[in-house]
Protein backbone atom coordinates (compact mmCIF):
# COMPACT_ATOMS: atom_id res chain seq x y z
CA MET A 1 -17.69 -38.85 31.91
CA SER A 2 -14.24 -37.16 31.97
CA ARG A 3 -13.89 -33.39 32.41
CA LEU A 4 -14.43 -31.24 29.48
CA THR A 5 -11.27 -29.66 27.79
CA HIS A 6 -11.85 -25.92 27.92
CA ILE A 7 -10.56 -24.16 24.71
CA VAL A 8 -10.15 -20.30 24.55
CA ILE A 9 -9.88 -18.81 21.05
CA LEU A 10 -8.44 -15.33 20.72
CA ASP A 11 -9.98 -13.38 17.77
CA PRO A 12 -8.76 -9.77 17.81
CA ILE A 13 -9.42 -9.10 14.09
CA ALA A 14 -12.36 -6.80 13.76
CA PHE A 15 -13.66 -8.19 10.36
CA ALA A 16 -14.61 -11.59 8.84
CA GLY A 17 -11.86 -13.16 6.71
CA GLY A 18 -10.47 -16.54 5.55
CA SER A 19 -8.75 -17.25 8.86
CA LYS A 20 -12.10 -16.95 10.66
CA VAL A 21 -13.84 -19.23 8.26
CA SER A 22 -10.97 -21.76 8.75
CA THR A 23 -11.30 -21.48 12.43
CA LYS A 24 -15.07 -22.09 12.22
CA HIS A 25 -14.50 -25.13 10.08
CA VAL A 26 -11.97 -26.42 12.84
CA LEU A 27 -14.56 -25.86 15.60
CA SER A 28 -17.16 -27.88 13.47
CA GLN A 29 -14.90 -30.85 13.84
CA LEU A 30 -14.78 -30.45 17.58
CA GLU A 31 -18.49 -30.94 18.15
CA SER A 32 -18.19 -34.56 18.86
CA GLN A 33 -15.21 -34.10 21.26
CA GLU A 34 -15.41 -33.61 25.01
CA ALA A 35 -14.67 -29.94 24.70
CA ARG A 36 -16.24 -26.47 25.57
CA VAL A 37 -15.16 -23.39 23.78
CA THR A 38 -14.93 -19.64 24.79
CA ILE A 39 -14.06 -16.99 22.19
CA LEU A 40 -12.70 -13.54 23.07
CA THR A 41 -13.29 -11.50 19.97
CA ALA A 42 -13.35 -8.04 18.49
CA ASP A 43 -16.00 -9.25 16.01
CA LYS A 44 -19.01 -10.80 17.79
CA GLU A 45 -21.12 -10.72 14.76
CA THR A 46 -18.96 -13.40 13.03
CA TRP A 47 -19.66 -15.74 15.92
CA ALA A 48 -23.39 -14.94 16.37
CA SER A 49 -24.50 -18.62 15.36
CA SER A 50 -21.55 -20.27 17.34
CA GLN A 51 -22.35 -22.69 20.19
CA ALA A 52 -19.35 -21.28 21.95
CA TYR A 53 -19.48 -18.73 24.70
CA VAL A 54 -18.53 -15.50 22.99
CA ALA A 55 -17.04 -12.48 25.03
CA LYS A 56 -16.40 -9.05 23.56
CA LEU A 57 -12.75 -7.79 23.28
CA HIS A 58 -12.40 -4.15 24.01
CA MET A 59 -9.83 -1.75 22.62
CA PRO A 60 -9.51 1.97 22.58
CA LYS A 61 -9.61 3.43 19.03
CA ARG A 62 -6.12 4.87 19.14
CA LEU A 63 -4.74 1.28 19.73
CA GLU A 64 -6.99 -0.69 17.22
CA THR A 65 -4.45 -0.34 14.36
CA ALA A 66 -1.27 0.02 16.23
CA GLU A 67 1.22 -2.19 14.43
CA GLN A 68 4.64 -1.14 15.80
CA GLY A 69 6.33 0.49 18.69
CA LEU A 70 4.87 1.07 22.15
CA GLY A 71 1.30 1.25 20.86
CA TYR A 72 1.63 -2.29 19.52
CA PHE A 73 2.81 -3.61 22.75
CA ALA A 74 0.21 -1.60 24.69
CA ARG A 75 -2.56 -3.27 22.50
CA HIS A 76 -1.39 -6.73 23.26
CA ILE A 77 -0.89 -6.07 27.04
CA LEU A 78 -4.48 -4.71 27.19
CA ILE A 79 -5.59 -8.05 25.28
CA ALA A 80 -3.47 -9.99 27.85
CA ILE A 81 -5.29 -8.17 30.75
CA GLN A 82 -8.62 -9.14 29.29
CA LEU A 83 -7.53 -12.72 28.94
CA LEU A 84 -6.72 -12.75 32.67
CA TRP A 85 -10.12 -10.97 33.50
CA LEU A 86 -11.85 -13.69 31.40
CA ARG A 87 -10.33 -16.45 33.32
CA LEU A 88 -11.99 -15.27 36.35
CA PHE A 89 -15.48 -15.87 34.78
CA VAL A 90 -14.95 -18.87 32.59
CA GLY A 91 -12.80 -21.07 34.81
CA GLN A 92 -9.62 -22.90 34.01
CA ILE A 93 -8.34 -22.73 30.50
CA HIS A 94 -6.66 -25.84 29.31
CA THR A 95 -5.97 -24.96 25.80
CA ALA A 96 -5.71 -21.56 23.89
CA LEU A 97 -5.96 -21.23 20.16
CA GLY A 98 -4.32 -18.29 18.35
CA ALA A 99 -6.22 -18.46 15.02
CA SER A 100 -4.30 -15.80 12.89
CA GLY A 101 -0.65 -15.54 13.61
CA PRO A 102 1.79 -14.68 16.48
CA GLY A 103 1.88 -11.18 15.68
CA VAL A 104 -1.85 -10.84 16.05
CA ASP A 105 -2.24 -13.25 18.84
CA LEU A 106 0.61 -12.11 21.07
CA GLY A 107 -1.64 -11.52 24.09
CA LEU A 108 -1.99 -15.29 24.51
CA TYR A 109 1.76 -15.65 24.71
CA LEU A 110 1.98 -12.82 27.28
CA VAL A 111 -0.14 -14.74 29.90
CA LYS A 112 0.58 -18.28 28.98
CA ALA A 113 2.89 -19.00 31.99
CA VAL A 114 0.42 -17.43 34.37
CA LEU A 115 -2.61 -19.20 33.25
CA GLY A 116 -0.85 -22.48 32.52
CA TYR A 117 -2.60 -23.42 29.39
CA ARG A 118 -1.34 -25.15 26.21
CA LEU A 119 -1.02 -22.81 23.28
CA ILE A 120 -1.95 -23.93 19.69
CA GLN A 121 -1.03 -21.55 16.92
CA MET A 122 -2.60 -21.40 13.37
CA ILE A 123 -0.76 -19.43 10.73
CA HIS A 124 -2.66 -18.38 7.55
CA GLY A 125 -0.26 -15.87 6.13
CA PRO A 126 3.46 -14.95 6.17
CA VAL A 127 4.80 -13.62 9.53
CA ALA A 128 7.16 -10.61 9.91
CA LYS A 129 10.87 -11.05 10.42
CA SER A 130 10.75 -10.38 14.23
CA ARG A 131 12.47 -11.64 17.38
CA THR A 132 9.18 -11.36 19.22
CA ILE A 133 7.33 -13.67 16.67
CA GLY A 134 10.22 -16.08 16.56
CA ARG A 135 10.09 -16.41 20.33
CA CYS A 136 6.29 -16.94 20.10
CA LEU A 137 6.85 -19.74 17.61
CA ALA A 138 9.37 -21.44 19.84
CA ALA A 139 7.01 -21.03 22.99
CA ALA A 140 3.87 -22.44 21.37
CA ASP A 141 2.98 -26.04 22.14
CA SER A 142 1.88 -26.70 18.47
CA VAL A 143 1.98 -24.48 15.35
CA PHE A 144 0.09 -25.38 12.24
CA TYR A 145 1.07 -23.32 9.24
CA LEU A 146 0.17 -23.10 5.53
CA ASP A 147 3.02 -24.21 3.19
CA ALA A 148 3.30 -20.86 1.71
CA THR A 149 4.31 -19.30 5.03
CA GLN A 150 7.14 -21.62 5.88
CA THR A 151 9.98 -19.37 4.62
CA SER A 152 8.78 -16.52 6.89
CA LEU A 153 8.68 -18.87 9.85
CA SER A 154 12.26 -19.78 9.40
CA THR A 155 13.16 -16.18 9.14
CA ALA A 156 11.40 -15.23 12.35
CA LEU A 157 12.97 -18.12 14.22
CA GLU A 158 16.39 -17.21 13.12
CA ALA A 159 15.83 -13.52 14.21
CA ALA A 160 14.98 -14.86 17.68
CA GLY A 161 18.26 -16.84 17.75
CA HIS A 162 16.68 -20.20 17.02
CA SER A 163 17.42 -22.68 14.30
CA PRO A 164 15.66 -21.87 11.00
CA ASP A 165 15.30 -25.45 10.15
CA ILE A 166 11.53 -26.04 10.49
CA ALA A 167 12.12 -29.83 10.34
CA SER A 168 13.88 -29.72 13.70
CA TYR A 169 10.67 -28.63 15.48
CA PRO A 170 8.35 -31.71 15.80
CA GLN A 171 5.65 -29.24 17.27
CA ILE A 172 5.70 -27.04 14.07
CA GLN A 173 3.89 -28.68 11.11
CA PRO A 174 1.97 -27.75 7.93
CA PHE A 175 -1.70 -28.01 7.45
CA LYS A 176 -4.19 -27.58 4.50
CA ASN A 177 -7.65 -25.92 4.85
CA GLY A 178 -10.59 -28.12 4.51
CA LEU A 179 -14.40 -27.78 4.20
CA PRO A 180 -16.88 -29.40 6.47
CA LYS A 181 -19.33 -31.99 5.07
CA GLN A 182 -22.28 -30.07 6.77
CA SER A 183 -21.40 -26.79 4.99
CA TRP A 184 -20.15 -28.19 1.55
CA PRO A 185 -20.92 -25.66 -1.15
CA SER A 186 -23.94 -26.34 -3.24
CA GLN A 187 -23.56 -27.33 -6.86
CA CYS A 188 -23.32 -24.46 -9.42
CA GLN A 189 -25.35 -24.27 -12.57
CA TYR A 190 -24.14 -24.85 -16.02
CA ASP A 191 -27.05 -23.25 -18.08
CA TYR A 192 -25.35 -20.01 -19.01
CA ALA A 193 -22.07 -18.07 -18.01
CA VAL A 194 -22.24 -16.11 -14.79
CA MET A 195 -19.09 -15.01 -13.01
CA PHE A 196 -18.43 -14.75 -9.25
CA TRP A 197 -15.71 -12.98 -7.21
CA ALA A 198 -15.53 -13.08 -3.43
CA ALA A 199 -12.86 -11.56 -1.08
CA SER A 200 -12.28 -8.61 1.18
CA LEU A 201 -11.69 -5.21 -0.28
CA LEU A 202 -7.97 -5.13 0.63
CA LYS A 203 -6.08 -3.98 -2.36
CA TRP A 204 -3.97 -7.06 -2.60
CA LYS A 205 -7.04 -9.19 -3.15
CA GLY A 206 -7.21 -7.55 -6.66
CA LEU A 207 -10.78 -6.29 -6.95
CA ASP A 208 -9.41 -3.39 -9.22
CA THR A 209 -7.88 -5.91 -11.61
CA PHE A 210 -11.25 -7.64 -11.95
CA THR A 211 -13.16 -4.46 -12.46
CA ALA A 212 -10.65 -3.23 -15.07
CA ALA A 213 -11.20 -6.30 -17.02
CA LEU A 214 -15.09 -5.90 -16.69
CA SER A 215 -14.88 -2.40 -17.80
CA GLN A 216 -13.00 -3.17 -21.00
CA LEU A 217 -15.54 -5.67 -22.02
CA SER A 218 -18.66 -4.21 -23.68
CA PRO A 219 -22.04 -4.73 -21.95
CA ALA A 220 -22.80 -7.23 -24.71
CA GLU A 221 -19.55 -9.19 -24.05
CA ARG A 222 -19.75 -8.97 -20.26
CA PRO A 223 -21.17 -11.96 -18.52
CA GLU A 224 -23.51 -11.34 -15.61
CA SER A 225 -21.16 -11.00 -12.60
CA HIS A 226 -21.55 -11.11 -8.80
CA VAL A 227 -19.12 -9.54 -6.51
CA CYS A 228 -19.28 -10.58 -2.84
CA TYR A 229 -17.06 -8.47 -0.53
CA ILE A 230 -16.15 -7.74 3.03
CA ARG A 231 -15.15 -4.24 4.05
CA PRO A 232 -12.15 -4.30 6.46
CA LYS A 233 -12.54 -2.61 9.79
CA GLN A 234 -9.71 -1.23 12.00
CA ASN A 235 -7.23 -1.62 9.17
CA ASN A 236 -4.31 0.44 7.99
CA LEU A 237 -3.89 -1.29 4.51
CA PRO A 238 -5.15 0.35 1.37
CA THR A 239 -8.62 -0.86 0.06
CA SER A 240 -10.62 -0.89 -3.13
CA GLU A 241 -13.89 0.96 -3.69
CA ALA A 242 -17.15 -0.92 -3.65
CA PRO A 243 -19.78 -0.99 -5.07
CA GLN A 244 -18.85 0.42 -8.40
CA THR A 245 -21.24 1.32 -11.29
CA LEU A 246 -21.04 -1.35 -14.02
CA SER A 247 -23.81 -2.82 -16.00
CA LYS A 248 -24.58 -6.51 -15.27
CA VAL A 249 -22.49 -6.41 -12.18
CA PHE A 250 -24.19 -7.07 -8.78
CA TRP A 251 -22.67 -6.09 -5.59
CA HIS A 252 -23.21 -7.98 -2.25
CA HIS A 253 -21.65 -6.78 0.93
CA ALA A 254 -21.19 -9.65 3.42
CA PRO A 255 -24.16 -11.61 2.13
CA ASP A 256 -25.99 -14.13 4.29
CA ASN A 257 -26.82 -16.05 1.15
CA LEU A 258 -23.25 -16.48 -0.20
CA ASP A 259 -23.88 -20.09 -1.03
CA GLU A 260 -27.01 -19.35 -3.03
CA ILE A 261 -25.12 -16.63 -5.03
CA ARG A 262 -22.23 -18.91 -5.78
CA ALA A 263 -24.43 -21.62 -7.00
CA SER A 264 -26.19 -19.30 -9.35
CA ALA A 265 -22.81 -18.66 -11.07
CA ASN A 266 -20.20 -21.08 -12.61
CA ILE A 267 -17.00 -19.07 -13.29
CA PHE A 268 -14.85 -18.09 -10.27
CA VAL A 269 -12.32 -15.42 -10.67
CA SER A 270 -9.52 -15.01 -8.23
CA THR A 271 -7.41 -11.85 -8.52
CA SER A 272 -5.32 -11.98 -5.30
CA THR A 273 -1.58 -12.64 -6.17
CA LYS A 274 0.45 -15.11 -3.97
CA GLU A 275 -2.57 -16.07 -2.03
CA PRO A 276 -1.22 -18.34 0.94
CA PHE A 277 -4.04 -20.84 0.35
CA GLY A 278 -7.33 -19.46 -1.14
CA LEU A 279 -10.19 -20.79 0.74
CA SER A 280 -12.66 -19.16 -1.65
CA ILE A 281 -11.00 -20.95 -4.51
CA LEU A 282 -11.42 -24.26 -2.70
CA GLU A 283 -15.24 -23.41 -2.07
CA ALA A 284 -15.62 -22.50 -5.78
CA MET A 285 -13.99 -25.84 -6.87
CA ALA A 286 -16.19 -27.68 -4.37
CA ALA A 287 -19.23 -26.13 -6.05
CA GLY A 288 -18.15 -27.34 -9.46
CA MET A 289 -17.17 -24.00 -10.80
CA CYS A 290 -14.48 -23.29 -13.47
CA VAL A 291 -11.90 -21.34 -11.48
CA ILE A 292 -9.75 -18.79 -13.17
CA ILE A 293 -6.56 -18.24 -11.20
CA PRO A 294 -3.36 -16.17 -11.66
CA SER A 295 -0.12 -18.19 -12.75
CA ASP A 296 1.75 -17.02 -9.68
CA ASP A 297 3.29 -20.12 -8.18
CA ALA A 298 0.89 -19.87 -5.21
CA PHE A 299 -0.68 -22.92 -3.70
CA TRP A 300 -3.47 -23.50 -6.35
CA ASP A 301 -1.35 -22.69 -9.26
CA ARG A 302 0.90 -25.46 -8.25
CA GLN A 303 -2.09 -27.86 -7.62
CA LEU A 304 -4.13 -27.17 -10.65
CA THR A 305 -3.45 -27.65 -14.39
CA ALA A 306 -4.47 -25.08 -17.04
CA ASN A 307 -7.11 -26.15 -19.38
CA GLU A 308 -7.60 -29.38 -17.39
CA ASN A 309 -9.27 -28.22 -14.14
CA CYS A 310 -8.87 -24.41 -14.37
CA LEU A 311 -7.99 -21.49 -16.46
CA LYS A 312 -4.93 -19.36 -15.73
CA TYR A 313 -3.90 -15.93 -16.65
CA GLN A 314 -0.76 -13.75 -15.92
CA PRO A 315 -0.89 -11.99 -12.60
CA ASP A 316 -2.27 -8.46 -12.45
CA ASP A 317 -2.49 -8.40 -16.29
CA VAL A 318 -6.04 -7.16 -17.24
CA ASP A 319 -5.58 -8.30 -20.86
CA SER A 320 -4.73 -11.72 -19.95
CA LEU A 321 -7.53 -11.92 -17.51
CA ILE A 322 -9.95 -10.68 -20.24
CA GLU A 323 -8.70 -13.52 -22.52
CA ALA A 324 -9.46 -16.17 -19.74
CA ILE A 325 -12.94 -14.81 -19.04
CA GLN A 326 -13.74 -14.87 -22.77
CA THR A 327 -12.43 -18.42 -23.11
CA ALA A 328 -14.80 -19.45 -20.42
CA GLU A 329 -17.73 -17.36 -21.31
CA GLN A 330 -17.81 -18.68 -24.83
CA ASN A 331 -17.53 -22.45 -24.11
CA MET A 332 -20.02 -23.69 -21.35
CA ARG A 333 -19.12 -27.29 -22.16
CA GLN A 334 -15.64 -26.58 -21.21
CA VAL A 335 -16.65 -24.67 -18.04
CA LYS A 336 -18.64 -27.84 -17.02
CA ARG A 337 -15.79 -30.16 -17.79
CA MET A 338 -13.16 -28.18 -15.87
CA GLY A 339 -15.50 -27.46 -13.09
CA GLN A 340 -16.29 -31.17 -12.57
CA ALA A 341 -12.62 -32.03 -12.53
CA ALA A 342 -11.90 -29.39 -9.97
CA SER A 343 -14.87 -30.64 -7.80
CA ASN A 344 -13.12 -34.07 -7.70
CA ILE A 345 -9.95 -32.45 -6.47
CA ALA A 346 -11.92 -30.55 -3.90
CA LEU A 347 -13.06 -33.83 -2.26
CA GLN A 348 -9.46 -34.30 -1.03
CA TYR A 349 -9.93 -31.22 1.12
CA ARG A 350 -12.48 -32.59 3.59
CA ALA A 351 -12.35 -30.89 7.03
CA ASP A 352 -12.35 -34.18 8.95
CA LEU A 353 -9.01 -35.09 7.11
CA CYS A 354 -7.31 -31.78 7.01
CA PHE A 355 -8.02 -30.56 10.51
CA ALA A 356 -7.56 -34.07 12.35
CA ALA A 357 -4.03 -33.20 13.66
CA ILE A 358 -5.24 -29.75 14.91
CA CYS A 359 -8.29 -31.07 16.61
CA GLU A 360 -6.17 -33.83 18.40
CA SER A 361 -3.78 -30.92 19.48
CA LEU A 362 -6.67 -28.87 20.85
CA VAL A 363 -7.92 -31.61 23.10
CA SER A 364 -4.54 -33.08 24.07
CA LYS A 365 -3.38 -32.55 27.57
CA SER A 366 0.41 -33.25 26.72
CA ARG A 367 2.90 -30.36 26.41
CA HIS A 368 5.82 -29.98 23.98
CA VAL A 369 9.45 -29.64 25.00
CA MET A 370 11.75 -27.53 22.75
CA PRO A 371 14.47 -29.67 20.97
CA GLU A 372 17.35 -27.50 22.13
CA LEU A 373 16.11 -27.75 25.77
CA VAL A 374 16.20 -31.54 25.53
CA SER A 375 19.70 -31.55 24.30
CA LYS A 376 20.82 -29.11 27.00
CA GLU A 377 19.28 -31.48 29.70
CA GLN A 378 21.00 -34.47 28.33
């Protein structure tokens, strides 16, 4: 039997979110591979049920939210030092996975040359226009990005003096999120209208739009609704308040029975605008729910057709959202029809298909060569 590939994952984000769910789904596809996994994380709770070795990432309070200047670089230097320390205890690292983005995973790049690992980067959201990030993108052995982030990658590469043409980098390629067969969402019910909202409390996720719409509906008009939320930690961005007092609205903070709650509903409402992917939308589709999404030219707005496999409303428009909610709530036959159509589309997003290239890259022993370096050598 050949030696196991040792993969180290850096997870410096202190709360659970879509990128972590996606990373878990990737790991679920590695179980049959000859690999062992170590996770250095600021959030050990998220990985409590993981089969990987989980190590705690330590960070002084004053550096936890540093996003620029000397504090930013001090934070990532400290992460780099902890990666070097981790290496002493876990042995040789063959591959490192940055699961969020170069601006968050910078520590991996700082010690890449010292530890000699291959670096795989996943990108779930737009990156900043930054020379540092551009250099990281060029230095990674493989970069997998969601389509919505491509323009920002080009801008960052250009800021670092590299070509902005993503097509000229064979190691940089798009990916789509997928759902593992073993954790496929349970089928929802179609007996009576129940709404479901699930996201973090970050303002851009739009909880305030949803609660404003519910508030304008009388209790008699308001469907039973379930709000499942994650409260961000170590975060400088504005957040919404939860829970709030609204009749027939039930609040669940990071529930362990999320799948059960989702299955008890049948109308999923997304209120985040310009969502790079929308994993919770895909999960709702897989459960056969009627999804209500903003018409914002984001990923699912381009993939789904109004009144065929979803309902759409004008972004951040409370009145438009109310109209979509009432359309769904008053016609359960339509909810079932659109939900079943959406569930058929969700079948195209199986983890074994969507993450095949990422898994292959994680266990590969080969390294990339920058295109411009090849041309110079020739």
